[in-house]
Protein backbone atom coordinates (compact mmCIF):
# COMPACT_ATOMS: atom_id res chain seq x y z
CA MET A 1 -31.85 -15.02 -17.76
CA LYS A 2 -29.17 -12.58 -19.30
CA LYS A 3 -28.97 -10.69 -16.00
CA LEU A 4 -28.49 -13.96 -14.05
CA ALA A 5 -25.87 -15.13 -16.48
CA LEU A 6 -24.02 -11.92 -16.10
CA ILE A 7 -24.07 -12.10 -12.26
CA CYS A 8 -22.84 -15.60 -12.30
CA LEU A 9 -19.91 -14.78 -14.71
CA ILE A 10 -18.87 -11.66 -12.76
CA ILE A 11 -18.78 -13.34 -9.34
CA LEU A 12 -16.82 -16.43 -10.55
CA ALA A 13 -14.47 -14.12 -12.39
CA THR A 14 -13.67 -11.27 -10.17
CA GLY A 15 -16.14 -11.06 -7.38
CA CYS A 16 -19.01 -8.81 -8.51
CA SER A 17 -22.79 -8.98 -8.04
CA LYS A 18 -26.38 -7.84 -7.36
CA LYS A 19 -28.42 -4.95 -8.57
CA GLU A 20 -28.86 -2.24 -6.28
CA ALA A 21 -29.65 1.52 -6.71
CA ASP A 22 -26.55 3.85 -6.27
CA THR A 23 -26.47 7.51 -6.58
CA LYS A 24 -22.75 8.15 -5.64
CA THR A 25 -20.38 9.53 -8.23
CA PRO A 26 -17.62 7.03 -9.14
CA ALA A 27 -14.44 7.78 -7.39
CA THR A 28 -11.49 9.10 -9.54
CA PRO A 29 -9.22 6.04 -10.45
CA PRO A 30 -6.07 5.98 -8.39
CA ALA A 31 -2.77 7.34 -9.75
CA ALA A 32 -0.22 5.02 -11.28
CA VAL A 33 1.84 3.29 -8.72
CA THR A 34 5.17 1.41 -8.66
CA ASP A 35 6.10 -2.06 -7.42
CA LEU A 36 7.15 -2.36 -3.88
CA GLY A 37 10.71 -3.06 -4.97
CA LYS A 38 10.61 -6.65 -3.45
CA SER A 39 9.88 -9.93 -5.14
CA GLN A 40 6.36 -11.24 -4.25
CA ALA A 41 7.95 -13.88 -1.96
CA GLU A 42 9.61 -11.13 -0.06
CA GLN A 43 6.52 -9.22 0.69
CA THR A 44 5.24 -9.95 4.23
CA ASN A 45 2.23 -7.68 4.36
CA VAL A 46 -0.17 -8.21 1.47
CA ILE A 47 -3.87 -8.66 1.03
CA LEU A 48 -3.23 -11.95 -1.08
CA PRO A 49 0.02 -13.93 -0.80
CA LEU A 50 1.31 -14.58 -4.29
CA LYS A 51 3.60 -17.61 -4.72
CA THR A 52 3.54 -20.44 -7.07
CA GLY A 53 1.50 -23.36 -5.87
CA ASN A 54 -0.63 -21.28 -3.40
CA LEU A 55 -4.06 -22.65 -3.48
CA TRP A 56 -7.49 -21.76 -2.23
CA VAL A 57 -10.59 -24.10 -2.32
CA TYR A 58 -14.11 -22.69 -2.16
CA GLN A 59 -17.74 -23.75 -1.87
CA VAL A 60 -20.04 -21.92 -4.17
CA PHE A 61 -23.64 -21.83 -3.24
CA ALA A 62 -26.96 -20.05 -4.26
CA LEU A 63 -30.29 -19.24 -2.99
CA ASP A 64 -33.17 -21.53 -4.02
CA THR A 65 -35.77 -18.81 -4.09
CA ILE A 66 -38.67 -21.50 -4.54
CA HIS A 67 -37.89 -23.19 -1.20
CA ASP A 68 -36.09 -20.29 0.35
CA ARG A 69 -32.89 -22.14 1.15
CA HIS A 70 -29.33 -22.32 0.04
CA ILE A 71 -28.12 -25.02 -2.30
CA LEU A 72 -24.56 -26.01 -2.81
CA LEU A 73 -23.56 -25.51 -6.54
CA LYS A 74 -19.88 -26.79 -6.72
CA VAL A 75 -16.42 -26.69 -5.34
CA ASP A 76 -14.03 -24.31 -7.13
CA THR A 77 -10.46 -23.60 -6.90
CA PHE A 78 -8.21 -20.35 -6.98
CA GLU A 79 -4.49 -21.25 -7.75
CA VAL A 80 -1.18 -19.32 -8.29
CA LEU A 81 0.39 -20.92 -11.22
CA LYS A 82 3.71 -19.17 -12.08
CA ASP A 83 5.42 -15.73 -12.25
CA THR A 84 5.83 -13.62 -15.48
CA VAL A 85 7.11 -10.27 -16.31
CA ILE A 86 4.74 -7.61 -17.80
CA ASN A 87 5.98 -4.08 -18.39
CA ASN A 88 9.14 -4.85 -16.24
CA GLU A 89 6.90 -5.92 -13.17
CA THR A 90 6.54 -9.42 -11.78
CA TRP A 91 3.01 -10.62 -12.18
CA TRP A 92 1.51 -13.87 -11.12
CA ASP A 93 -0.44 -16.16 -13.62
CA SER A 94 -3.59 -17.57 -11.82
CA ARG A 95 -6.32 -20.00 -12.37
CA GLN A 96 -9.40 -18.25 -10.89
CA LEU A 97 -12.86 -19.15 -9.93
CA GLY A 98 -14.89 -20.29 -12.86
CA HIS A 99 -11.77 -21.50 -14.63
CA MET A 100 -11.00 -17.93 -15.54
CA ARG A 101 -7.28 -16.88 -16.20
CA GLY A 102 -5.53 -13.80 -15.23
CA TRP A 103 -2.49 -12.09 -13.71
CA MET A 104 -2.20 -10.61 -10.23
CA ILE A 105 0.36 -8.31 -8.47
CA ASN A 106 0.64 -6.78 -5.06
CA ARG A 107 1.48 -3.18 -5.37
CA ASN A 108 1.81 -0.34 -2.61
CA ASP A 109 -1.89 0.28 -2.88
CA GLY A 110 -3.20 -3.20 -2.89
CA LEU A 111 -3.97 -6.13 -5.17
CA TRP A 112 -4.13 -5.56 -8.87
CA MET A 113 -5.46 -7.90 -11.53
CA ARG A 114 -5.29 -8.28 -15.39
CA MET A 115 -7.73 -10.69 -16.94
CA LYS A 116 -6.71 -12.72 -19.91
CA GLY A 117 -8.15 -11.36 -23.16
CA ASP A 118 -8.30 -7.72 -21.63
CA THR A 119 -5.60 -5.32 -22.10
CA GLY A 120 -6.32 -3.18 -18.95
CA GLU A 121 -5.70 -3.68 -15.35
CA PHE A 122 -7.78 -2.90 -12.24
CA LEU A 123 -7.27 -2.53 -8.58
CA TRP A 124 -9.27 -5.43 -6.96
CA ALA A 125 -8.74 -4.94 -3.25
CA LYS A 126 -7.16 -1.57 -1.98
CA TYR A 127 -4.76 -2.26 0.86
CA PRO A 128 -4.11 -0.56 3.05
CA GLY A 129 -7.31 1.50 2.94
CA LEU A 130 -9.22 3.84 5.08
CA VAL A 131 -12.93 2.75 5.80
CA GLU A 132 -15.23 4.51 3.34
CA SER A 133 -12.46 5.15 0.86
CA GLU A 134 -13.56 4.52 -2.71
CA TYR A 135 -11.58 3.59 -5.91
CA SER A 136 -12.80 3.00 -9.43
CA GLY A 137 -11.53 0.98 -12.34
CA THR A 138 -12.65 -0.93 -15.51
CA ILE A 139 -13.12 -4.69 -15.43
CA MET A 140 -13.21 -6.31 -19.04
CA GLY A 141 -14.50 -2.89 -20.49
CA VAL A 142 -17.14 -2.48 -17.69
CA PRO A 143 -16.73 0.45 -15.13
CA SER A 144 -16.61 -0.42 -11.52
CA THR A 145 -16.50 1.39 -8.27
CA SER A 146 -15.35 -0.25 -4.97
CA LYS A 147 -15.27 0.80 -1.27
CA VAL A 148 -13.47 -0.18 1.88
CA MET A 149 -16.50 -1.13 4.05
CA SER A 150 -14.51 -2.33 7.28
CA ASN A 151 -11.01 -2.86 8.30
CA SER A 152 -11.79 -5.60 10.87
CA ILE A 153 -14.63 -7.85 10.77
CA ASP A 154 -14.88 -11.43 12.11
CA VAL A 155 -15.73 -13.93 9.16
CA GLU A 156 -16.21 -17.61 9.97
CA VAL A 157 -16.29 -20.26 7.20
CA GLN A 158 -15.54 -23.94 7.09
CA ALA A 159 -11.70 -23.24 7.02
CA GLY A 160 -11.91 -21.31 10.19
CA LYS A 161 -12.49 -17.68 11.73
CA PHE A 162 -10.64 -14.83 10.22
CA ASP A 163 -10.33 -11.15 10.94
CA CYS A 164 -11.02 -9.63 7.56
CA ILE A 165 -11.23 -6.45 5.45
CA ALA A 166 -14.62 -6.00 3.98
CA TYR A 167 -15.14 -4.42 0.54
CA GLY A 168 -18.12 -3.56 -1.46
CA GLN A 169 -18.04 -3.44 -5.36
CA TYR A 170 -20.53 -2.08 -7.76
CA ILE A 171 -20.16 -2.85 -11.53
CA GLY A 172 -21.73 -1.52 -14.81
CA LYS A 173 -25.00 0.31 -15.42
CA GLU A 174 -26.87 -2.36 -13.48
CA HIS A 175 -24.76 -1.30 -10.29
CA ILE A 176 -24.34 -5.09 -9.55
CA LEU A 177 -23.09 -5.38 -6.12
CA THR A 178 -20.82 -7.82 -4.27
CA ARG A 179 -19.43 -7.93 -0.83
CA TYR A 180 -16.13 -9.68 -0.43
CA TYR A 181 -13.75 -10.36 2.58
CA PHE A 182 -9.95 -10.59 2.46
CA CYS A 183 -7.80 -11.56 5.37
CA PRO A 184 -4.21 -9.94 4.96
CA ASN A 185 -1.58 -12.56 4.21
CA LYS A 186 -4.26 -15.21 3.94
CA GLY A 187 -6.28 -14.19 0.86
CA LEU A 188 -9.90 -14.15 -0.08
CA ILE A 189 -12.11 -15.83 2.64
CA LYS A 190 -15.60 -15.00 1.36
CA MET A 191 -17.62 -13.29 -1.25
CA GLU A 192 -21.42 -12.86 -1.27
CA ILE A 193 -24.23 -11.35 -3.31
CA PRO A 194 -26.99 -9.85 -1.24
CA ASP A 195 -30.63 -10.00 -2.61
CA SER A 196 -32.43 -6.82 -3.39
CA THR A 197 -33.72 -6.65 0.30
CA HIS A 198 -30.28 -7.05 1.48
CA THR A 199 -31.56 -9.50 4.01
CA LYS A 200 -30.48 -12.67 2.17
CA ILE A 201 -27.53 -13.91 0.28
CA PHE A 202 -28.49 -14.57 -3.39
CA MET A 203 -25.21 -16.10 -4.14
CA GLY A 204 -21.83 -16.67 -2.33
CA VAL A 205 -18.51 -18.34 -2.17
CA ASP A 206 -16.91 -19.68 1.24
CA LEU A 207 -13.31 -20.77 1.81
CA LEU A 208 -13.05 -24.50 2.48
CA LYS A 209 -9.30 -24.72 2.92
CA MET A 210 -6.12 -23.10 1.74
CA GLU A 211 -2.46 -24.30 1.06
CA LEU A 212 0.21 -21.57 1.24
CA LYS A 213 3.75 -22.03 0.42
């Protein structure tokens, strides 16, 4: 039960997931970067558009292992609330999946995040990034390693069909894995947790609709 609770918390907060063996050495964290020199509203090529009022609505589902079928758990929302200045940079306050709160910023190497209650920040989605490139960080005190899996993969959800960048993320000693899919300038389209066999989805999040200002 503790492991299941951890999986649910991580996927709803940041998009992490299922246990899988991993023998790779975590990549060296990226060097410090500077802001793009433009306001978020002026940035035209970003992995997640950050502007007050931007809203994404998702369907959360999970695998019913007894009946071997997916069941719908709830509808959840990701919303950009307002901007704020942190260390001379403009970050965006957001209400995230699972009602978590945090700040986000698009820098020249991708989307960074700071969770409320945590003093650190981490690179959530490297953009742009070469396929197979890896990057590491710490999420709420737990080490993580992510990899760009594909720069172009078609993902179809209720909100439509999108050309996405696919990422894989491992977190903690359990090497919990999540795959997540971003469409540049549109945002997060899908997240999924594969089961131990990688043939079924243990838990997932699909985009139902979005409202971009």
